[in-house]
Protein backbone atom coordinates (compact mmCIF):
# COMPACT_ATOMS: atom_id res chain seq x y z
CA UNK A 1 209.08 -2.40 22.09
CA UNK A 2 205.58 -3.84 21.72
CA UNK A 3 201.94 -3.10 22.39
CA UNK A 4 199.57 -0.40 21.15
CA UNK A 5 198.96 3.24 21.94
CA UNK A 6 201.13 6.05 20.63
CA UNK A 7 204.61 7.49 20.98
CA UNK A 8 204.25 11.20 20.27
CA UNK A 9 206.48 14.25 20.45
CA UNK A 10 204.53 16.95 22.22
CA UNK A 11 207.72 18.86 23.11
CA UNK A 12 206.64 19.00 26.70
CA UNK A 13 203.74 21.28 25.88
CA UNK A 14 206.04 24.22 25.12
CA UNK A 15 204.08 26.50 22.82
CA UNK A 16 205.79 27.34 19.56
CA UNK A 17 208.87 25.20 20.28
CA UNK A 18 210.76 23.19 17.70
CA UNK A 19 212.15 20.12 19.45
CA UNK A 20 213.24 16.71 18.15
CA UNK A 21 212.59 13.90 20.62
CA UNK A 22 214.68 10.76 20.33
CA UNK A 23 213.87 7.25 21.43
CA UNK A 24 216.33 4.33 21.24
CA UNK A 25 215.06 0.75 21.23
CA UNK A 26 217.55 -1.97 22.19
CA UNK A 27 215.78 -4.93 20.62
CA UNK A 28 218.00 -7.68 22.01
CA UNK A 29 215.60 -9.95 23.88
CA UNK A 30 213.70 -11.37 20.92
CA UNK A 31 211.45 -10.23 18.09
CA UNK A 32 208.40 -8.08 18.77
CA UNK A 33 205.75 -5.96 17.04
CA UNK A 34 204.66 -2.44 17.95
CA UNK A 35 201.09 -1.88 16.72
CA UNK A 36 200.84 1.63 18.04
CA UNK A 37 201.59 4.94 16.36
CA UNK A 38 204.84 6.89 16.02
CA UNK A 39 203.75 10.52 15.81
CA UNK A 40 205.56 13.73 15.16
CA UNK A 41 203.58 16.80 16.17
CA UNK A 42 202.79 19.97 14.29
CA UNK A 43 200.67 22.69 15.87
CA UNK A 44 199.73 26.14 14.69
CA UNK A 45 202.53 28.54 14.01
CA UNK A 46 206.07 27.34 13.60
CA UNK A 47 206.14 24.49 16.11
CA UNK A 48 207.55 21.50 14.21
CA UNK A 49 208.33 18.65 16.60
CA UNK A 50 210.12 15.76 14.96
CA UNK A 51 210.48 12.27 16.41
CA UNK A 52 213.51 10.02 15.83
CA UNK A 53 213.54 6.29 16.63
CA UNK A 54 216.87 4.47 16.68
CA UNK A 55 216.86 0.67 16.37
CA UNK A 56 219.67 -1.18 18.18
CA UNK A 57 219.98 -4.84 19.13
CA UNK A 58 220.13 -7.99 17.03
CA UNK A 59 216.44 -8.96 17.22
CA UNK A 60 213.67 -7.85 14.88
CA UNK A 61 211.29 -4.98 15.57
CA UNK A 62 208.17 -4.63 13.41
CA UNK A 63 206.34 -1.31 13.25
CA UNK A 64 202.78 -2.22 12.26
CA UNK A 65 201.01 1.00 13.21
CA UNK A 66 200.79 4.52 11.88
CA UNK A 67 204.03 6.46 11.33
CA UNK A 68 203.83 10.14 10.50
CA UNK A 69 202.69 13.57 11.57
CA UNK A 70 199.81 14.54 13.78
CA UNK A 71 198.60 18.00 12.78
CA UNK A 72 196.48 20.26 14.97
CA UNK A 73 195.82 22.99 12.42
CA UNK A 74 195.15 22.93 8.72
CA UNK A 75 197.98 23.87 6.41
CA UNK A 76 200.68 23.59 9.05
CA UNK A 77 204.21 22.51 8.17
CA UNK A 78 205.17 18.83 8.23
CA UNK A 79 207.13 17.28 11.07
CA UNK A 80 209.24 14.20 10.50
CA UNK A 81 209.38 10.75 12.02
CA UNK A 82 212.96 9.66 11.38
CA UNK A 83 214.23 6.09 11.63
CA UNK A 84 217.83 5.04 12.28
CA UNK A 85 218.85 1.37 11.96
CA UNK A 86 222.16 0.38 13.56
CA UNK A 87 221.75 -3.41 13.61
CA UNK A 88 219.19 -6.19 13.62
CA UNK A 89 216.04 -5.81 11.52
CA UNK A 90 213.52 -2.99 11.54
CA UNK A 91 210.41 -3.85 9.53
CA UNK A 92 207.75 -1.34 8.51
CA UNK A 93 204.56 -3.21 7.67
CA UNK A 94 201.77 -0.70 8.10
CA UNK A 95 200.33 -0.11 4.63
CA UNK A 96 196.79 -0.89 5.83
CA UNK A 97 197.15 0.93 9.15
CA UNK A 98 196.09 4.49 8.46
CA UNK A 99 193.26 6.81 9.42
CA UNK A 100 190.93 8.85 7.26
CA UNK A 101 192.27 12.10 8.68
CA UNK A 102 195.98 11.66 8.18
CA UNK A 103 196.54 9.09 5.45
CA UNK A 104 198.56 11.56 3.40
CA UNK A 105 200.89 12.14 6.32
CA UNK A 106 201.76 8.48 6.78
CA UNK A 107 205.49 7.82 6.32
CA UNK A 108 205.91 10.98 4.27
CA UNK A 109 208.64 13.12 5.72
CA UNK A 110 211.01 11.00 7.77
CA UNK A 111 214.59 10.10 6.94
CA UNK A 112 215.71 6.48 7.18
CA UNK A 113 219.39 6.30 8.09
CA UNK A 114 221.03 2.90 7.64
CA UNK A 115 224.20 2.33 9.66
CA UNK A 116 223.80 -1.45 9.75
CA UNK A 117 221.17 -4.13 10.11
CA UNK A 118 218.15 -4.53 7.84
CA UNK A 119 215.24 -2.21 7.03
CA UNK A 120 212.35 -4.29 5.66
CA UNK A 121 209.28 -2.58 4.26
CA UNK A 122 205.95 -3.76 2.90
CA UNK A 123 204.28 -2.63 -0.30
CA UNK A 124 203.41 1.09 -0.15
CA UNK A 125 204.54 1.33 3.47
CA UNK A 126 206.84 4.11 2.27
CA UNK A 127 204.97 5.87 -0.58
CA UNK A 128 206.70 7.27 -3.64
CA UNK A 129 205.40 10.72 -2.65
CA UNK A 130 207.52 10.64 0.50
CA UNK A 131 210.04 13.45 0.70
CA UNK A 132 212.46 11.97 3.22
CA UNK A 133 215.63 10.22 2.15
CA UNK A 134 217.19 6.81 2.60
CA UNK A 135 220.76 7.46 3.75
CA UNK A 136 222.83 4.32 3.18
CA UNK A 137 225.86 4.30 5.47
CA UNK A 138 225.63 0.51 5.65
CA UNK A 139 222.99 -2.12 6.21
CA UNK A 140 220.34 -3.66 3.98
CA UNK A 141 217.09 -2.49 2.40
CA UNK A 142 214.76 -5.47 2.01
CA UNK A 143 211.57 -5.47 -0.04
CA UNK A 144 208.80 -7.63 1.45
CA UNK A 145 207.20 -10.35 -0.65
CA UNK A 146 205.08 -8.80 -3.41
CA UNK A 147 206.56 -5.34 -2.95
CA UNK A 148 207.98 -3.81 -6.15
CA UNK A 149 208.16 -0.20 -4.98
CA UNK A 150 210.81 2.02 -6.59
CA UNK A 151 212.49 4.07 -3.84
CA UNK A 152 215.49 5.09 -5.96
CA UNK A 153 214.34 8.71 -6.03
CA UNK A 154 214.74 8.85 -2.25
CA UNK A 155 218.18 7.25 -2.03
CA UNK A 156 220.90 9.63 -0.97
CA UNK A 157 224.42 9.51 -2.39
CA UNK A 158 226.24 6.43 -1.11
CA UNK A 159 229.32 7.62 0.85
CA UNK A 160 232.89 6.65 0.03
CA UNK A 161 233.91 3.35 1.56
CA UNK A 162 230.29 2.30 2.10
CA UNK A 163 228.20 -0.27 0.24
CA UNK A 164 224.41 -0.24 0.25
CA UNK A 165 222.78 -3.67 0.20
CA UNK A 166 219.55 -4.13 -1.76
CA UNK A 167 217.72 -7.39 -0.98
CA UNK A 168 215.03 -7.79 -3.65
CA UNK A 169 213.70 -10.84 -1.82
CA UNK A 170 212.15 -12.52 -4.87
CA UNK A 171 210.67 -9.34 -6.34
CA UNK A 172 211.33 -7.51 -9.62
CA UNK A 173 212.51 -4.03 -8.60
CA UNK A 174 213.20 -1.19 -11.05
CA UNK A 175 215.33 1.83 -10.11
CA UNK A 176 214.31 4.62 -12.48
CA UNK A 177 216.50 7.22 -10.74
CA UNK A 178 220.30 7.02 -10.93
CA UNK A 179 222.44 5.85 -8.02
CA UNK A 180 225.12 8.37 -7.06
CA UNK A 181 228.00 8.75 -4.65
CA UNK A 182 231.50 7.45 -4.07
CA UNK A 183 230.41 4.14 -2.56
CA UNK A 184 229.02 0.97 -4.10
CA UNK A 185 226.16 -1.47 -3.67
CA UNK A 186 225.45 -5.17 -3.37
CA UNK A 187 222.45 -6.91 -4.94
CA UNK A 188 221.26 -9.82 -2.77
CA UNK A 189 218.21 -12.05 -2.58
CA UNK A 190 216.25 -13.80 -5.29
CA UNK A 191 214.52 -11.70 -7.91
CA UNK A 192 215.91 -8.86 -9.99
CA UNK A 193 217.06 -5.26 -9.70
CA UNK A 194 216.88 -3.20 -12.90
CA UNK A 195 219.04 -0.09 -13.26
CA UNK A 196 217.20 2.01 -15.84
CA UNK A 197 219.28 5.20 -15.59
CA UNK A 198 222.92 6.16 -16.06
CA UNK A 199 224.39 5.49 -12.62
CA UNK A 200 227.47 7.48 -11.70
CA UNK A 201 228.42 5.97 -8.34
CA UNK A 202 232.12 5.20 -8.34
CA UNK A 203 232.20 2.16 -6.05
CA UNK A 204 231.81 -1.46 -7.12
CA UNK A 205 228.51 -3.19 -7.86
CA UNK A 206 228.39 -6.74 -6.47
CA UNK A 207 225.78 -9.21 -7.69
CA UNK A 208 225.59 -11.78 -4.92
CA UNK A 209 222.22 -13.39 -5.68
CA UNK A 210 219.51 -13.03 -8.28
CA UNK A 211 219.85 -10.82 -11.35
CA UNK A 212 221.13 -7.32 -11.95
CA UNK A 213 219.50 -6.05 -15.15
CA UNK A 214 221.30 -3.24 -16.95
CA UNK A 215 218.85 -1.16 -18.93
CA UNK A 216 221.11 1.85 -18.42
CA UNK A 217 224.76 2.13 -17.44
CA UNK A 218 227.26 2.03 -14.60
CA UNK A 219 229.69 4.80 -15.50
CA UNK A 220 231.92 4.79 -12.41
CA UNK A 221 235.37 3.27 -12.19
CA UNK A 222 234.37 0.63 -9.63
CA UNK A 223 232.96 -1.82 -12.16
CA UNK A 224 231.13 -4.95 -11.05
CA UNK A 225 231.68 -8.37 -9.53
CA UNK A 226 229.36 -11.28 -10.33
CA UNK A 227 229.51 -14.12 -7.79
CA UNK A 228 228.77 -17.76 -8.57
CA UNK A 229 225.08 -17.34 -7.65
CA UNK A 230 224.62 -13.99 -9.39
CA UNK A 231 223.48 -13.03 -12.90
CA UNK A 232 224.24 -9.94 -14.99
CA UNK A 233 221.90 -9.32 -17.90
CA UNK A 234 220.43 -6.56 -20.05
CA UNK A 235 221.53 -4.24 -22.85
CA UNK A 236 223.54 -1.71 -20.87
CA UNK A 237 227.19 -0.95 -20.23
CA UNK A 238 229.70 -0.95 -17.39
CA UNK A 239 232.66 1.39 -17.79
CA UNK A 240 234.82 -0.23 -15.11
CA UNK A 241 236.20 -3.77 -14.90
CA UNK A 242 233.78 -6.70 -14.60
CA UNK A 243 234.94 -9.87 -12.83
CA UNK A 244 232.56 -12.82 -13.09
CA UNK A 245 232.32 -16.31 -11.67
CA UNK A 246 228.57 -16.20 -12.23
CA UNK A 247 226.25 -15.89 -15.22
CA UNK A 248 226.36 -13.26 -17.96
CA UNK A 249 223.27 -13.12 -20.18
CA UNK A 250 223.22 -10.36 -22.82
CA UNK A 251 219.86 -8.77 -23.55
CA UNK A 252 216.37 -9.43 -22.33
CA UNK A 253 216.11 -12.01 -25.07
CA UNK A 254 218.57 -10.97 -27.79
CA UNK A 255 220.88 -8.09 -26.88
CA UNK A 256 224.36 -6.71 -26.26
CA UNK A 257 226.34 -5.99 -23.09
CA UNK A 258 229.35 -3.66 -23.16
CA UNK A 259 232.24 -3.62 -20.65
CA UNK A 260 235.42 -1.68 -20.07
CA UNK A 261 237.21 -4.92 -19.17
CA UNK A 262 235.95 -8.44 -18.56
CA UNK A 263 237.47 -11.30 -16.58
CA UNK A 264 235.84 -14.75 -16.60
CA UNK A 265 236.84 -17.02 -13.74
CA UNK A 266 236.21 -20.61 -12.72
CA UNK A 267 232.57 -21.60 -12.88
CA UNK A 268 231.49 -18.59 -14.95
CA UNK A 269 228.87 -19.01 -17.64
CA UNK A 270 227.72 -17.12 -20.73
CA UNK A 271 224.25 -17.51 -22.22
CA UNK A 272 224.30 -16.94 -25.99
CA UNK A 273 221.06 -16.84 -27.95
CA UNK A 274 220.47 -16.64 -31.68
CA UNK A 275 217.22 -15.90 -33.54
CA UNK A 276 218.53 -15.05 -37.03
CA UNK A 277 221.39 -17.13 -38.48
CA UNK A 278 222.45 -14.23 -40.70
CA UNK A 279 221.51 -11.43 -38.29
CA UNK A 280 223.79 -8.91 -36.59
CA UNK A 281 224.86 -8.88 -32.95
CA UNK A 282 222.25 -7.33 -30.70
CA UNK A 283 219.47 -7.96 -33.23
CA UNK A 284 219.74 -11.52 -34.56
CA UNK A 285 222.09 -12.88 -31.92
CA UNK A 286 223.60 -11.95 -28.58
CA UNK A 287 226.79 -9.94 -28.39
CA UNK A 288 229.35 -9.00 -25.76
CA UNK A 289 231.83 -6.18 -26.35
CA UNK A 290 234.75 -5.42 -24.04
CA UNK A 291 237.98 -3.47 -24.24
CA UNK A 292 239.85 -6.54 -22.96
CA UNK A 293 239.07 -10.12 -21.95
CA UNK A 294 241.01 -12.17 -19.39
CA UNK A 295 240.19 -15.88 -19.05
CA UNK A 296 241.26 -17.01 -15.56
CA UNK A 297 239.17 -20.22 -15.40
CA UNK A 298 240.80 -23.66 -15.38
CA UNK A 299 240.06 -26.91 -17.23
CA UNK A 300 238.91 -28.47 -13.94
CA UNK A 301 236.46 -25.60 -13.32
CA UNK A 302 235.70 -24.32 -16.82
CA UNK A 303 233.52 -21.59 -18.30
CA UNK A 304 230.18 -22.89 -19.58
CA UNK A 305 228.74 -21.45 -22.77
CA UNK A 306 225.02 -22.13 -23.09
CA UNK A 307 223.95 -21.98 -26.74
CA UNK A 308 220.23 -21.68 -27.46
CA UNK A 309 217.90 -20.52 -30.20
CA UNK A 310 214.80 -18.32 -30.29
CA UNK A 311 212.50 -19.05 -33.25
CA UNK A 312 215.60 -19.37 -35.41
CA UNK A 313 215.34 -18.00 -38.95
CA UNK A 314 217.59 -18.30 -42.03
CA UNK A 315 219.27 -21.40 -40.60
CA UNK A 316 221.83 -23.27 -42.70
CA UNK A 317 223.20 -26.58 -41.46
CA UNK A 318 226.68 -25.74 -42.72
CA UNK A 319 229.82 -24.72 -40.80
CA UNK A 320 229.63 -21.18 -39.44
CA UNK A 321 231.55 -18.88 -37.09
CA UNK A 322 230.06 -16.22 -34.81
CA UNK A 323 231.72 -13.69 -32.47
CA UNK A 324 230.95 -14.48 -28.83
CA UNK A 325 233.04 -11.73 -27.19
CA UNK A 326 234.66 -8.98 -29.25
CA UNK A 327 237.53 -6.92 -27.84
CA UNK A 328 239.64 -4.02 -29.01
CA UNK A 329 242.62 -4.70 -26.76
CA UNK A 330 242.95 -8.46 -27.02
CA UNK A 331 242.34 -11.67 -25.07
CA UNK A 332 244.63 -13.27 -22.48
CA UNK A 333 244.57 -16.74 -20.94
CA UNK A 334 242.77 -18.51 -23.78
CA UNK A 335 242.70 -22.30 -23.91
CA UNK A 336 239.92 -24.36 -25.44
CA UNK A 337 240.15 -26.66 -22.41
CA UNK A 338 238.76 -23.84 -20.25
CA UNK A 339 235.36 -24.07 -21.97
CA UNK A 340 232.42 -26.45 -21.94
CA UNK A 341 229.57 -26.05 -24.43
CA UNK A 342 225.98 -26.78 -23.41
CA UNK A 343 223.91 -26.80 -26.60
CA UNK A 344 220.77 -28.44 -25.23
CA UNK A 345 218.84 -25.31 -26.18
CA UNK A 346 219.96 -25.50 -29.82
CA UNK A 347 217.82 -28.01 -31.69
CA UNK A 348 217.83 -26.86 -35.32
CA UNK A 349 220.84 -28.81 -36.56
CA UNK A 350 222.91 -31.86 -35.82
CA UNK A 351 226.21 -30.00 -35.69
CA UNK A 352 228.41 -29.28 -32.70
CA UNK A 353 229.50 -25.98 -31.16
CA UNK A 354 233.01 -25.16 -29.96
CA UNK A 355 235.00 -22.05 -29.06
CA UNK A 356 238.17 -20.75 -30.65
CA UNK A 357 240.35 -17.66 -30.66
CA UNK A 358 240.28 -15.51 -33.78
CA UNK A 359 243.45 -15.24 -35.84
CA UNK A 360 244.10 -11.68 -34.62
CA UNK A 361 243.63 -12.73 -30.99
CA UNK A 362 240.89 -10.17 -30.32
CA UNK A 363 237.67 -12.17 -30.64
CA UNK A 364 236.41 -15.22 -28.81
CA UNK A 365 234.45 -17.11 -31.45
CA UNK A 366 231.69 -19.71 -31.43
CA UNK A 367 232.19 -22.26 -34.20
CA UNK A 368 229.37 -24.44 -35.52
CA UNK A 369 230.65 -27.59 -37.20
CA UNK A 370 227.65 -28.25 -39.38
CA UNK A 371 225.96 -31.62 -39.44
CA UNK A 372 227.97 -34.65 -40.52
CA UNK A 373 225.61 -37.43 -41.65
CA UNK A 374 225.52 -40.94 -40.27
CA UNK A 375 223.39 -42.50 -43.00
CA UNK A 376 223.58 -46.09 -41.72
CA UNK A 377 222.96 -45.15 -38.08
CA UNK A 378 225.91 -47.02 -36.59
CA UNK A 379 227.27 -44.04 -34.63
CA UNK A 380 230.18 -43.52 -37.04
CA UNK A 381 230.22 -40.46 -39.27
CA UNK A 382 230.06 -41.36 -42.94
CA UNK A 383 233.20 -39.37 -43.75
CA UNK A 384 235.22 -41.46 -41.27
CA UNK A 385 233.75 -44.74 -42.48
CA UNK A 386 234.50 -43.93 -46.12
CA UNK A 387 238.05 -42.85 -45.27
CA UNK A 388 238.74 -45.99 -43.21
CA UNK A 389 236.64 -48.69 -44.92
CA UNK A 390 235.91 -47.25 -48.34
CA UNK A 391 232.14 -47.19 -47.84
CA UNK A 392 229.34 -46.31 -45.42
CA UNK A 393 226.95 -49.02 -46.52
CA UNK A 394 224.18 -50.13 -44.21
CA UNK A 395 225.36 -52.93 -41.91
CA UNK A 396 228.88 -52.98 -43.33
CA UNK A 397 230.66 -51.65 -40.25
CA UNK A 398 228.63 -52.33 -37.09
CA UNK A 399 229.63 -50.28 -34.07
CA UNK A 400 230.66 -53.40 -32.15
CA UNK A 401 232.62 -54.91 -35.05
CA UNK A 402 236.38 -55.46 -34.81
CA UNK A 403 237.78 -56.00 -38.31
CA UNK A 404 241.44 -56.02 -37.20
CA UNK A 405 240.84 -58.17 -34.08
CA UNK A 406 242.80 -55.83 -31.83
CA UNK A 407 240.15 -55.79 -29.09
CA UNK A 408 238.97 -52.29 -29.98
CA UNK A 409 235.49 -52.09 -31.52
CA UNK A 410 234.78 -49.84 -34.48
CA UNK A 411 233.07 -47.33 -32.20
CA UNK A 412 236.06 -47.23 -29.83
CA UNK A 413 238.50 -46.94 -32.75
CA UNK A 414 236.43 -44.01 -34.03
CA UNK A 415 236.26 -42.40 -30.57
CA UNK A 416 240.01 -42.77 -29.89
CA UNK A 417 241.08 -41.85 -33.43
CA UNK A 418 242.87 -45.16 -34.08
CA UNK A 419 242.81 -47.20 -37.30
CA UNK A 420 240.07 -49.86 -37.46
CA UNK A 421 241.65 -51.96 -40.21
CA UNK A 422 245.16 -52.34 -38.75
CA UNK A 423 246.10 -53.59 -35.31
CA UNK A 424 246.27 -50.76 -32.76
CA UNK A 425 247.71 -50.89 -29.28
CA UNK A 426 245.30 -49.66 -26.63
CA UNK A 427 246.01 -45.90 -26.48
CA UNK A 428 244.42 -45.36 -23.06
CA UNK A 429 246.93 -44.37 -20.37
CA UNK A 430 246.21 -45.30 -16.75
CA UNK A 431 248.54 -44.01 -14.06
CA UNK A 432 248.61 -42.76 -10.47
CA UNK A 433 248.75 -39.09 -9.54
CA UNK A 434 250.20 -37.89 -6.22
CA UNK A 435 248.41 -34.88 -4.76
CA UNK A 436 248.95 -33.49 -1.26
CA UNK A 437 250.33 -36.79 -0.05
CA UNK A 438 247.48 -38.89 -1.48
CA UNK A 439 247.55 -41.13 -4.55
CA UNK A 440 244.72 -41.12 -7.09
CA UNK A 441 244.01 -43.34 -10.08
CA UNK A 442 243.88 -41.43 -13.36
CA UNK A 443 243.00 -42.12 -17.01
CA UNK A 444 244.11 -40.18 -20.09
CA UNK A 445 242.00 -40.67 -23.24
CA UNK A 446 242.91 -39.47 -26.75
CA UNK A 447 239.79 -38.18 -28.54
CA UNK A 448 238.88 -37.98 -32.20
CA UNK A 449 238.27 -34.24 -32.78
CA UNK A 450 235.76 -35.14 -35.48
CA UNK A 451 233.70 -37.45 -33.27
CA UNK A 452 231.84 -34.56 -31.71
CA UNK A 453 228.56 -36.46 -31.39
CA UNK A 454 229.99 -39.04 -28.99
CA UNK A 455 229.82 -38.98 -25.19
CA UNK A 456 232.87 -40.04 -23.15
CA UNK A 457 232.34 -41.21 -19.55
CA UNK A 458 235.08 -42.44 -17.19
CA UNK A 459 233.90 -44.55 -14.25
CA UNK A 460 235.66 -46.05 -11.23
CA UNK A 461 234.98 -49.11 -9.08
CA UNK A 462 236.45 -50.89 -6.06
CA UNK A 463 235.20 -54.42 -6.80
CA UNK A 464 234.10 -54.62 -10.48
CA UNK A 465 230.48 -55.37 -9.54
CA UNK A 466 228.01 -53.81 -12.01
CA UNK A 467 226.43 -51.55 -9.40
CA UNK A 468 229.76 -50.24 -8.14
CA UNK A 469 230.80 -48.39 -11.30
CA UNK A 470 230.37 -44.64 -10.88
CA UNK A 471 231.77 -41.31 -12.04
CA UNK A 472 230.64 -39.57 -8.86
CA UNK A 473 233.40 -37.57 -7.21
CA UNK A 474 235.77 -37.86 -10.15
CA UNK A 475 237.65 -34.77 -11.34
CA UNK A 476 238.00 -33.75 -15.00
CA UNK A 477 241.52 -32.35 -15.24
CA UNK A 478 241.32 -31.67 -18.97
CA UNK A 479 238.63 -31.96 -21.63
CA UNK A 480 239.50 -30.70 -25.10
CA UNK A 481 238.58 -31.78 -28.60
CA UNK A 482 241.67 -34.02 -28.65
CA UNK A 483 242.12 -35.27 -25.08
CA UNK A 484 240.26 -36.12 -21.87
CA UNK A 485 241.99 -36.60 -18.49
CA UNK A 486 239.92 -37.79 -15.51
CA UNK A 487 241.13 -38.38 -11.93
CA UNK A 488 239.46 -40.65 -9.40
CA UNK A 489 237.87 -38.86 -6.46
CA UNK A 490 238.84 -41.57 -3.97
CA UNK A 491 242.36 -42.09 -2.63
CA UNK A 492 244.08 -44.60 -0.40
CA UNK A 493 241.93 -47.53 -1.57
CA UNK A 494 243.49 -51.01 -1.51
CA UNK A 495 242.37 -51.49 -5.10
CA UNK A 496 240.57 -49.38 -7.71
CA UNK A 497 239.48 -50.05 -11.27
CA UNK A 498 238.75 -47.62 -14.09
CA UNK A 499 236.89 -47.93 -17.38
CA UNK A 500 235.85 -45.78 -20.34
CA UNK A 501 232.31 -45.82 -21.71
CA UNK A 502 231.61 -44.31 -25.14
CA UNK A 503 228.06 -43.80 -26.37
CA UNK A 504 226.68 -42.52 -29.67
CA UNK A 505 223.32 -40.75 -30.03
């Protein structure tokens, strides 16, 4: 369908008749634009002549002209132009295409029925004053670039077994009216979708891309699923189970999210912010509350906790413990090796953050170690130096020194938790691991739990040349406060070498 002109329901000129005319467009031969008008027809009396256009075919059809009623007498009833999308893309991009005599009629009464495909609409192409509904039996609603229109008041109940797809397409969309029905929905595309009301739909909410912002609630039993490229944020609640391999960010800034049940899988992340060291959850720091917490991630694909501060007040550079996720029913699957802490956003102190399970097993806690001074700047904490050497004097124990001549420098002895004043055998273990018929080189490193400021890097090489050493492709099988296990990413090589590099800030 292309060109100009008009498609109009005149009902064959039958006076006083009420007839719906239907046109089906099989848009299979390529994309096209129809610049003409789609007109329903209302004459004097009771003649209300609706027009229904059904979009089939995999190609895209753009309606760039007027869509709405043509009235022949003042005050007559409205006739609808209905749109049905079965597949492909139907785009309405006619916000500037209206006349002075019937602007109010444009796109006002028709029903959009989604059975599949994509319905894309430009800003104000479907005004908020429209009375027709969006019936989501499938398919995708896509906001055009720059369009932030709230059409939630026109969304019909989502049927059981169906899932509406909302593609925010880089825009910030707010749904002020609640979603209802027995089905669910999927949030796709860049940008954000804010649910401001208490939404009772009973199907699952899936966050596939971009952010779902909870300013209200999801009260149905379907819960939510956050994929690896999705983000859940806000201060709302979800009554059903939440399964996440994506990002959870309480608040819009500092805030609290509440769940019926929470499961964190491989690759999941939690953003935790603090603005008041002595403040309460939801006010001075982020909080997450859930009936239960199940940790299904693995050490090789851990959960990342991003710790950051916002104009931090009342800070004390002493050890402290904060609740990260509080539960009433308990936590399953906990292991410290399933977590990695990213504290690049926390700059107030020199301490280190870690996670632990509370003594009652119901709270996942963030633990701040407090700063341990290194007064002589050799990379060794003063407490360790004093315990091992009796002093932390400037220049007394250089990082590259080897007082016991065992081939392990002071820095390496500190990193591996061996004794620097008595001969120590090299504690590194290098072996081969057989996986799926292939053999891989592997190194196991004991770590000093107190040497939290150090960085451990395992590199592999095939020929020992300086440029050949690399950690690319290697797999971290375990990384805890006390042990690091790293496997080579290459197998079947005639020879491979491995080394450990330790650096201090």
